[in-house]
């Protein structure tokens, strides 16, 4: 796998814990606090800006706010 590629397995429902069979995951938080690193693009005109957390292998889980 190329060093600049990361494959994230998504949770299947809002506010659920990430699957355990894969190292890097993502999910959506709606009624609960985010799990792992929260994506803040929703407060930055839906843009990443300088953030690269989604592609960072050190970040195990990314949580996106439901919209």
N, C-alpha and C. Protein backbone atom coordinates (compact mmCIF):
# COMPACT_ATOMS: atom_id res chain seq x y z
N UNK A 1 0.85 -1.17 0.00
CA UNK A 1 0.00 0.00 0.00
C UNK A 1 0.91 1.24 0.00
N UNK A 2 0.63 2.22 -0.85
CA UNK A 2 1.44 3.44 -0.87
C UNK A 2 1.39 4.16 0.49
N UNK A 3 2.47 4.83 0.86
CA UNK A 3 2.54 5.52 2.14
C UNK A 3 1.52 6.65 2.26
N UNK A 4 1.13 7.24 1.13
CA UNK A 4 0.20 8.37 1.18
C UNK A 4 -1.26 7.93 1.04
N UNK A 5 -1.54 6.65 1.17
CA UNK A 5 -2.90 6.13 1.07
C UNK A 5 -3.32 5.57 2.42
N UNK A 6 -4.54 5.90 2.83
CA UNK A 6 -5.10 5.31 4.04
C UNK A 6 -6.53 4.89 3.73
N UNK A 7 -6.87 3.68 4.10
CA UNK A 7 -8.22 3.16 3.89
C UNK A 7 -8.90 3.13 5.25
N UNK A 8 -10.02 3.84 5.34
CA UNK A 8 -10.78 3.90 6.59
C UNK A 8 -12.10 3.14 6.42
N UNK A 9 -12.38 2.25 7.35
CA UNK A 9 -13.65 1.52 7.37
C UNK A 9 -14.62 2.35 8.18
N UNK A 10 -15.82 2.55 7.65
CA UNK A 10 -16.83 3.39 8.30
C UNK A 10 -17.75 2.58 9.21
N UNK A 11 -18.22 3.25 10.26
CA UNK A 11 -19.27 2.66 11.07
C UNK A 11 -20.55 2.63 10.24
N UNK A 12 -21.48 1.77 10.59
CA UNK A 12 -22.68 1.65 9.76
C UNK A 12 -23.85 2.48 10.27
N UNK A 13 -23.74 3.04 11.49
CA UNK A 13 -24.80 3.87 12.06
C UNK A 13 -24.19 5.05 12.81
N UNK A 14 -24.97 6.10 12.99
CA UNK A 14 -24.53 7.27 13.75
C UNK A 14 -24.21 6.88 15.20
N UNK A 15 -23.23 7.57 15.77
CA UNK A 15 -22.91 7.46 17.21
C UNK A 15 -22.51 6.05 17.66
N UNK A 16 -22.00 5.24 16.77
CA UNK A 16 -21.61 3.87 17.13
C UNK A 16 -20.09 3.77 17.24
N UNK A 17 -19.63 2.81 18.02
CA UNK A 17 -18.20 2.60 18.16
C UNK A 17 -17.64 2.04 16.86
N UNK A 18 -16.38 2.34 16.58
CA UNK A 18 -15.80 1.87 15.32
C UNK A 18 -15.58 0.35 15.30
N UNK A 19 -15.58 -0.22 14.10
CA UNK A 19 -15.30 -1.65 14.00
C UNK A 19 -13.90 -1.98 14.51
N UNK A 20 -13.71 -3.14 15.04
CA UNK A 20 -12.43 -3.51 15.63
C UNK A 20 -11.52 -4.29 14.67
N UNK A 21 -12.05 -4.69 13.53
CA UNK A 21 -11.26 -5.52 12.62
C UNK A 21 -10.31 -4.73 11.72
N UNK A 22 -10.38 -3.39 11.78
CA UNK A 22 -9.52 -2.56 10.94
C UNK A 22 -8.89 -1.47 11.78
N UNK A 23 -7.66 -1.10 11.47
CA UNK A 23 -6.89 -0.16 12.29
C UNK A 23 -7.39 1.29 12.16
N UNK A 24 -7.82 1.70 10.97
CA UNK A 24 -8.24 3.09 10.74
C UNK A 24 -9.71 3.11 10.37
N UNK A 25 -10.47 3.98 11.06
CA UNK A 25 -11.91 4.00 10.88
C UNK A 25 -12.44 5.43 10.83
N UNK A 26 -13.72 5.53 10.47
CA UNK A 26 -14.41 6.82 10.49
C UNK A 26 -15.87 6.57 10.86
N UNK A 27 -16.52 7.64 11.31
CA UNK A 27 -17.92 7.52 11.67
C UNK A 27 -18.58 8.88 11.73
N UNK A 28 -19.84 8.88 12.08
CA UNK A 28 -20.63 10.11 12.16
C UNK A 28 -21.20 10.23 13.56
N UNK A 29 -21.03 11.41 14.16
CA UNK A 29 -21.65 11.64 15.47
C UNK A 29 -22.82 12.60 15.29
N UNK A 30 -23.90 12.30 16.01
CA UNK A 30 -25.12 13.11 15.90
C UNK A 30 -25.57 13.56 17.28
N UNK A 31 -25.85 12.62 18.17
CA UNK A 31 -26.39 12.93 19.50
C UNK A 31 -25.37 12.73 20.61
N UNK A 32 -24.21 12.21 20.28
CA UNK A 32 -23.18 11.96 21.28
C UNK A 32 -21.91 12.71 20.94
N UNK A 33 -20.97 12.71 21.88
CA UNK A 33 -19.68 13.34 21.63
C UNK A 33 -18.94 12.54 20.56
N UNK A 34 -18.07 13.21 19.78
CA UNK A 34 -17.32 12.49 18.76
C UNK A 34 -16.36 11.47 19.38
N UNK A 35 -16.15 10.40 18.67
CA UNK A 35 -15.17 9.39 19.05
C UNK A 35 -13.90 9.70 18.27
N UNK A 36 -12.77 9.68 18.92
CA UNK A 36 -11.51 9.94 18.22
C UNK A 36 -11.38 11.42 17.84
N UNK A 37 -10.83 11.68 16.70
CA UNK A 37 -10.60 13.05 16.21
C UNK A 37 -11.83 13.55 15.47
N UNK A 38 -12.34 14.70 15.87
CA UNK A 38 -13.49 15.30 15.20
C UNK A 38 -13.04 16.10 13.99
N UNK A 39 -13.70 15.88 12.87
CA UNK A 39 -13.46 16.69 11.68
C UNK A 39 -14.16 18.04 11.89
N UNK A 40 -13.41 19.12 11.76
CA UNK A 40 -13.96 20.46 12.01
C UNK A 40 -14.27 21.23 10.73
N UNK A 41 -14.33 20.54 9.61
CA UNK A 41 -14.60 21.24 8.36
C UNK A 41 -15.97 21.92 8.36
N UNK A 42 -16.92 21.41 9.13
CA UNK A 42 -18.26 22.00 9.16
C UNK A 42 -18.25 23.42 9.72
N UNK A 43 -17.22 23.81 10.46
CA UNK A 43 -17.13 25.19 10.94
C UNK A 43 -16.14 26.02 10.11
N UNK A 44 -15.62 25.40 9.03
CA UNK A 44 -14.68 26.08 8.15
C UNK A 44 -15.16 26.04 6.71
N UNK A 45 -16.44 26.36 6.49
CA UNK A 45 -17.04 26.38 5.15
C UNK A 45 -16.88 25.04 4.43
N UNK A 46 -16.93 23.94 5.18
CA UNK A 46 -16.79 22.59 4.65
C UNK A 46 -15.50 22.38 3.87
N UNK A 47 -14.44 23.00 4.34
CA UNK A 47 -13.12 22.85 3.73
C UNK A 47 -12.13 22.34 4.76
N UNK A 48 -11.17 21.56 4.29
CA UNK A 48 -10.15 21.00 5.17
C UNK A 48 -9.15 22.05 5.65
N UNK A 49 -8.89 23.04 4.81
CA UNK A 49 -7.84 24.00 5.14
C UNK A 49 -6.51 23.26 5.22
N UNK A 50 -5.76 23.49 6.27
CA UNK A 50 -4.46 22.83 6.42
C UNK A 50 -4.55 21.48 7.13
N UNK A 51 -5.72 21.10 7.58
CA UNK A 51 -5.89 19.82 8.28
C UNK A 51 -5.70 18.65 7.32
N UNK A 52 -4.99 17.65 7.79
CA UNK A 52 -4.78 16.43 7.01
C UNK A 52 -5.01 15.19 7.87
N UNK A 53 -5.83 15.34 8.91
CA UNK A 53 -6.06 14.24 9.86
C UNK A 53 -6.60 12.99 9.18
N UNK A 54 -7.44 13.14 8.19
CA UNK A 54 -8.02 11.97 7.51
C UNK A 54 -6.96 11.09 6.86
N UNK A 55 -5.86 11.70 6.48
CA UNK A 55 -4.79 10.96 5.80
C UNK A 55 -3.62 10.64 6.72
N UNK A 56 -3.75 10.94 8.00
CA UNK A 56 -2.68 10.73 8.96
C UNK A 56 -2.82 9.35 9.60
N UNK A 57 -1.82 8.50 9.41
CA UNK A 57 -1.87 7.15 9.96
C UNK A 57 -1.85 7.12 11.49
N UNK A 58 -1.46 8.22 12.12
CA UNK A 58 -1.47 8.27 13.59
C UNK A 58 -2.88 8.49 14.14
N UNK A 59 -3.79 8.98 13.31
CA UNK A 59 -5.19 9.23 13.72
C UNK A 59 -5.98 7.96 13.42
N UNK A 60 -6.39 7.28 14.46
CA UNK A 60 -7.08 5.98 14.29
C UNK A 60 -8.53 6.13 13.88
N UNK A 61 -9.23 7.15 14.41
CA UNK A 61 -10.66 7.32 14.09
C UNK A 61 -10.99 8.79 13.85
N UNK A 62 -11.70 9.06 12.78
CA UNK A 62 -12.20 10.39 12.44
C UNK A 62 -13.72 10.37 12.61
N UNK A 63 -14.26 11.38 13.29
CA UNK A 63 -15.70 11.48 13.49
C UNK A 63 -16.22 12.75 12.82
N UNK A 64 -17.18 12.57 11.92
CA UNK A 64 -17.77 13.69 11.20
C UNK A 64 -19.12 14.04 11.82
N UNK A 65 -19.40 15.33 11.94
CA UNK A 65 -20.69 15.78 12.49
C UNK A 65 -21.79 15.53 11.47
N UNK A 66 -22.90 14.99 11.94
CA UNK A 66 -24.05 14.74 11.06
C UNK A 66 -24.57 16.06 10.51
N UNK A 67 -24.90 16.06 9.23
CA UNK A 67 -25.46 17.28 8.60
C UNK A 67 -26.57 16.93 7.64
